[in-house]
Amino acid sequence: MLLFLKDVDISWKEIVIVILVLGGTTEAFQKAEELQREGQGFIITSATEYGYEMFRRRFGSPVVNIRFTEESLREFVKEHDIRKIIDCTHPYATVITELARRVSEELHIEYESAIRLIENPPVGDYDRLVRVSAIHDAVRWILGQDIKRPLFTTGSKELSFVRNLRDREVFVRVLPSEESLRRCREAGLKGQNIIAMHGPFSSELNLALIRQFRVDCLVTKNSGKVGGLFEKIEAAREAGIWCILVDSPLKEEREEV
């Protein structure tokens, strides 16, 4: 477990920490800022090194880089005398959410869900939007179409589909972390086909990338308004290209690209 305390005027021992914020999304930043304004002591966690670095730069509170198991979460709560868990993990990160609920109930501490709601996108009469239940369904659909340059914005956790699209010029947009880039390389992606950026993005930037790389199909997960979903759909509509909406990506996928 990696624990970091940013430079502040008070020491670790002087901080009364009663809240554990399970991070990983924009909502975690918002919740931590709210607690900071209230002068409330908290620990914020991230399961990735990238998220850890972002939280560390932003807050003067303790930031922890850890991927919890049920046992480690239970021990962490006991060790730091946590009185409340605020769950700001990704909507599809159901494993950690279930662990947090179970540990909270077992130890008789408060559990609060700050997980974003996934809204139905305003697709209107967009006849080039296709909805599928999983990434492999999106790949099967692409293989049956005259699509040459698809852009996947579904993260780096699942890139095994790349081998099934060898005859296409596949582009991926992932977080700019070493782990994401390593996964891309292991999947066989060429450097010029990897767009490493941190989102969410405006519709204008999405459209610029579509035009720059001559993308003819955009694949996105249903990440909701906060995750930039509506801006992706609007960019695809403006460009007149296909947009594939994956309603149920990998449950543990936390990236927002």
Protein backbone atom coordinates (compact mmCIF):
# COMPACT_ATOMS: atom_id res chain seq x y z
CA MET A 1 0.00 0.00 0.00
CA LEU A 2 1.35 3.41 -0.96
CA LEU A 3 0.46 6.30 1.34
CA PHE A 4 1.25 9.93 0.58
CA LEU A 5 0.71 13.10 2.62
CA LYS A 6 1.09 16.29 0.63
CA ASP A 7 2.95 19.26 2.08
CA VAL A 8 0.61 20.94 4.54
CA ASP A 9 0.97 22.93 7.75
CA ILE A 10 -0.27 20.13 9.96
CA SER A 11 1.11 16.66 10.47
CA TRP A 12 -0.59 13.36 9.73
CA LYS A 13 -1.24 12.71 13.41
CA GLU A 14 -3.04 16.03 13.80
CA ILE A 15 -5.60 15.21 11.12
CA VAL A 16 -8.83 13.72 12.43
CA ILE A 17 -9.79 11.39 9.64
CA VAL A 18 -13.24 9.88 9.81
CA ILE A 19 -14.21 9.58 6.12
CA LEU A 20 -12.85 7.27 3.44
CA VAL A 21 -13.55 8.40 -0.13
CA LEU A 22 -13.27 5.60 -2.65
CA GLY A 23 -12.09 7.46 -5.73
CA GLY A 24 -11.78 6.84 -9.42
CA THR A 25 -14.13 9.34 -11.07
CA THR A 26 -14.89 13.04 -11.41
CA GLU A 27 -17.36 12.65 -8.56
CA ALA A 28 -14.49 11.79 -6.22
CA PHE A 29 -12.84 15.15 -6.93
CA GLN A 30 -16.10 16.96 -6.31
CA LYS A 31 -16.77 15.14 -3.06
CA ALA A 32 -13.21 15.65 -1.79
CA GLU A 33 -13.39 19.38 -2.59
CA GLU A 34 -16.65 19.60 -0.66
CA LEU A 35 -15.14 17.86 2.37
CA GLN A 36 -12.05 20.06 2.17
CA ARG A 37 -14.17 23.23 2.21
CA GLU A 38 -15.97 21.92 5.28
CA GLY A 39 -12.67 21.27 7.03
CA GLN A 40 -13.50 17.58 7.26
CA GLY A 41 -10.62 15.11 7.51
CA PHE A 42 -10.65 12.37 4.89
CA ILE A 43 -8.58 9.84 3.02
CA ILE A 44 -9.12 9.48 -0.71
CA THR A 45 -8.11 6.33 -2.55
CA SER A 46 -7.35 5.35 -6.13
CA ALA A 47 -6.88 1.87 -7.54
CA THR A 48 -4.49 3.19 -10.22
CA GLU A 49 -1.17 5.01 -10.13
CA TYR A 50 -2.53 7.57 -12.59
CA GLY A 51 -5.48 8.43 -10.39
CA TYR A 52 -3.23 8.56 -7.36
CA GLU A 53 -0.98 11.13 -8.98
CA MET A 54 -3.96 13.29 -9.98
CA PHE A 55 -5.46 13.25 -6.49
CA ARG A 56 -2.07 13.89 -4.93
CA ARG A 57 -1.53 17.04 -6.97
CA ARG A 58 -5.00 18.33 -6.19
CA PHE A 59 -5.47 17.80 -2.46
CA GLY A 60 -3.58 18.47 0.74
CA SER A 61 -5.17 15.43 2.37
CA PRO A 62 -3.80 11.89 2.53
CA VAL A 63 -4.00 10.03 -0.77
CA VAL A 64 -3.70 6.26 -0.96
CA ASN A 65 -2.90 4.10 -3.97
CA ILE A 66 -4.47 0.73 -3.19
CA ARG A 67 -6.70 -1.89 -4.80
CA PHE A 68 -8.80 -3.18 -1.92
CA THR A 69 -9.83 -6.72 -1.18
CA GLU A 70 -12.53 -7.29 1.40
CA GLU A 71 -9.91 -8.15 4.01
CA SER A 72 -7.65 -5.18 3.27
CA LEU A 73 -10.61 -2.76 3.24
CA ARG A 74 -11.80 -4.08 6.59
CA GLU A 75 -8.34 -3.71 8.12
CA PHE A 76 -7.88 -0.24 6.63
CA VAL A 77 -11.15 0.98 8.12
CA LYS A 78 -10.20 -0.38 11.53
CA GLU A 79 -6.64 0.95 11.44
CA HIS A 80 -7.67 4.50 10.54
CA ASP A 81 -10.83 4.55 12.65
CA ILE A 82 -12.98 5.32 9.60
CA ARG A 83 -16.54 6.26 10.52
CA LYS A 84 -17.98 6.66 7.02
CA ILE A 85 -17.28 5.39 3.49
CA ILE A 86 -18.26 7.53 0.51
CA ASP A 87 -18.29 5.47 -2.66
CA CYS A 88 -17.26 7.54 -5.71
CA THR A 89 -16.14 4.63 -7.85
CA HIS A 90 -17.16 4.06 -11.45
CA PRO A 91 -20.76 2.88 -12.05
CA TYR A 92 -19.43 -0.38 -13.47
CA ALA A 93 -16.95 -1.03 -10.63
CA THR A 94 -19.46 -3.26 -8.91
CA VAL A 95 -16.95 -5.43 -7.06
CA ILE A 96 -15.49 -2.66 -4.88
CA THR A 97 -18.97 -1.21 -4.33
CA GLU A 98 -20.22 -4.54 -3.01
CA LEU A 99 -17.14 -4.86 -0.76
CA ALA A 100 -17.66 -1.36 0.63
CA ARG A 101 -21.32 -2.02 1.39
CA ARG A 102 -20.53 -5.32 3.08
CA VAL A 103 -17.67 -3.96 5.20
CA SER A 104 -19.70 -0.91 6.21
CA GLU A 105 -22.56 -3.09 7.38
CA GLU A 106 -20.25 -5.49 9.21
CA LEU A 107 -18.39 -2.72 11.06
CA HIS A 108 -21.52 -0.62 11.65
CA ILE A 109 -20.27 2.49 9.86
CA GLU A 110 -22.13 4.73 7.43
CA TYR A 111 -22.01 4.02 3.72
CA GLU A 112 -22.89 6.73 1.19
CA SER A 113 -23.10 6.15 -2.55
CA ALA A 114 -21.95 9.04 -4.72
CA ILE A 115 -21.83 6.88 -7.83
CA ARG A 116 -23.06 8.69 -10.91
CA LEU A 117 -26.35 7.80 -12.49
CA ILE A 118 -26.16 6.61 -16.08
CA GLU A 119 -28.62 8.60 -18.15
CA ASN A 120 -30.11 7.52 -21.44
CA PRO A 121 -28.32 9.53 -24.13
CA PRO A 122 -30.39 12.00 -26.18
CA VAL A 123 -29.97 10.20 -29.50
CA GLY A 124 -33.05 11.70 -31.12
CA ASP A 125 -33.36 10.60 -34.73
CA TYR A 126 -29.68 9.72 -35.12
CA ASP A 127 -29.97 6.71 -37.41
CA ARG A 128 -26.26 5.88 -37.26
CA LEU A 129 -26.19 5.03 -33.57
CA VAL A 130 -26.02 1.34 -32.71
CA ARG A 131 -26.48 -0.01 -29.17
CA VAL A 132 -24.80 -3.24 -28.10
CA SER A 133 -24.42 -4.98 -24.76
CA ALA A 134 -20.64 -5.61 -24.76
CA ILE A 135 -17.45 -4.67 -26.58
CA HIS A 136 -17.21 -8.00 -28.41
CA ASP A 137 -20.69 -7.31 -29.84
CA ALA A 138 -19.40 -3.99 -31.18
CA VAL A 139 -16.51 -5.82 -32.84
CA ARG A 140 -18.85 -8.33 -34.48
CA TRP A 141 -20.98 -5.49 -35.80
CA ILE A 142 -17.94 -3.69 -37.24
CA LEU A 143 -16.77 -6.88 -38.97
CA GLY A 144 -20.08 -7.01 -40.81
CA GLN A 145 -19.82 -3.43 -42.08
CA ASP A 146 -17.66 -1.46 -44.47
CA ILE A 147 -15.85 0.26 -41.60
CA LYS A 148 -12.12 0.83 -42.03
CA ARG A 149 -10.97 3.18 -39.26
CA PRO A 150 -12.85 2.65 -35.95
CA LEU A 151 -11.94 4.61 -32.83
CA PHE A 152 -12.49 2.85 -29.50
CA THR A 153 -12.88 5.10 -26.44
CA THR A 154 -13.67 2.20 -24.12
CA GLY A 155 -10.42 2.24 -22.14
CA SER A 156 -7.39 -0.02 -21.98
CA LYS A 157 -8.66 -2.76 -19.67
CA GLU A 158 -9.98 -4.85 -22.56
CA LEU A 159 -8.04 -4.67 -25.82
CA SER A 160 -8.16 -8.31 -26.89
CA PHE A 161 -10.58 -7.29 -29.65
CA VAL A 162 -7.68 -5.69 -31.56
CA ARG A 163 -6.53 -9.04 -32.91
CA ASN A 164 -9.96 -9.59 -34.44
CA LEU A 165 -9.73 -6.31 -36.36
CA ARG A 166 -6.31 -6.77 -37.95
CA ASP A 167 -7.62 -5.81 -41.38
CA ARG A 168 -8.89 -2.47 -40.00
CA GLU A 169 -6.94 0.60 -38.96
CA VAL A 170 -7.95 0.55 -35.29
CA PHE A 171 -7.47 3.62 -33.10
CA VAL A 172 -7.86 3.71 -29.32
CA ARG A 173 -8.14 6.60 -26.91
CA VAL A 174 -6.82 5.76 -23.46
CA LEU A 175 -5.58 7.50 -20.35
CA PRO A 176 -1.99 8.83 -20.60
CA SER A 177 -0.57 6.42 -18.05
CA GLU A 178 2.29 3.94 -18.34
CA GLU A 179 -0.08 1.10 -17.57
CA SER A 180 -2.48 2.07 -20.36
CA LEU A 181 0.32 2.44 -22.89
CA ARG A 182 1.80 -0.91 -21.88
CA ARG A 183 -1.53 -2.61 -22.46
CA CYS A 184 -1.80 -0.97 -25.88
CA ARG A 185 1.65 -2.19 -26.87
CA GLU A 186 0.89 -5.71 -25.63
CA ALA A 187 -2.28 -5.70 -27.73
CA GLY A 188 -0.17 -4.97 -30.81
CA LEU A 189 -1.32 -1.43 -31.42
CA LYS A 190 0.97 0.88 -33.35
CA GLY A 191 2.12 4.06 -31.63
CA GLN A 192 0.46 6.30 -34.20
CA ASN A 193 -2.87 4.62 -33.46
CA ILE A 194 -2.81 5.36 -29.71
CA ILE A 195 -4.39 8.63 -28.55
CA ALA A 196 -3.35 9.08 -24.92
CA MET A 197 -5.43 11.86 -23.34
CA HIS A 198 -7.40 12.48 -20.18
CA GLY A 199 -11.10 13.21 -20.63
CA PRO A 200 -13.88 13.98 -20.66
CA PHE A 201 -13.75 16.07 -23.84
CA SER A 202 -15.89 18.64 -25.58
CA SER A 203 -17.80 17.73 -28.73
CA GLU A 204 -15.47 20.06 -30.64
CA LEU A 205 -12.35 18.17 -29.56
CA ASN A 206 -13.98 14.81 -30.27
CA LEU A 207 -14.90 16.06 -33.73
CA ALA A 208 -11.37 17.34 -34.35
CA LEU A 209 -9.92 13.92 -33.49
CA ILE A 210 -12.44 12.16 -35.73
CA ARG A 211 -11.44 14.37 -38.64
CA GLN A 212 -7.71 14.26 -37.90
CA PHE A 213 -7.60 10.46 -37.95
CA ARG A 214 -10.35 10.04 -40.58
CA VAL A 215 -12.37 7.90 -38.17
CA ASP A 216 -15.50 6.31 -39.65
CA CYS A 217 -16.90 4.71 -36.48
CA LEU A 218 -16.74 5.81 -32.83
CA VAL A 219 -17.14 3.18 -30.11
CA THR A 220 -17.98 4.42 -26.63
CA LYS A 221 -19.25 3.01 -23.36
CA ASN A 222 -22.35 4.38 -21.69
CA SER A 223 -20.44 6.57 -19.21
CA GLY A 224 -23.23 9.12 -18.75
CA LYS A 225 -23.18 12.89 -19.03
CA VAL A 226 -20.27 13.40 -16.61
CA GLY A 227 -18.20 10.88 -18.56
CA GLY A 228 -18.55 12.87 -21.78
CA LEU A 229 -20.96 10.50 -23.52
CA PHE A 230 -23.24 13.16 -24.97
CA GLU A 231 -20.30 15.07 -26.47
CA LYS A 232 -19.06 11.91 -28.20
CA ILE A 233 -22.46 11.22 -29.73
CA GLU A 234 -22.81 14.82 -30.86
CA ALA A 235 -19.36 14.71 -32.51
CA ALA A 236 -20.22 11.47 -34.32
CA ARG A 237 -23.50 12.99 -35.49
CA GLU A 238 -21.73 16.13 -36.74
CA ALA A 239 -19.16 14.03 -38.61
CA GLY A 240 -21.87 11.78 -40.03
CA ILE A 241 -20.15 8.58 -38.85
CA TRP A 242 -21.37 5.47 -37.06
CA CYS A 243 -21.44 5.54 -33.26
CA ILE A 244 -21.59 2.30 -31.28
CA LEU A 245 -22.81 2.63 -27.71
CA VAL A 246 -21.73 -0.20 -25.40
CA ASP A 247 -24.32 -0.33 -22.64
CA SER A 248 -22.52 -2.80 -20.37
CA PRO A 249 -18.73 -2.65 -20.64
CA LEU A 250 -16.44 -4.57 -18.30
CA LYS A 251 -17.68 -4.18 -14.75
CA GLU A 252 -14.27 -3.16 -13.43
CA GLU A 253 -13.53 -0.64 -16.17
CA ARG A 254 -12.81 2.72 -14.51
CA GLU A 255 -11.26 4.72 -17.30
CA GLU A 256 -13.02 7.69 -18.83
CA VAL A 257 -11.70 8.53 -22.25
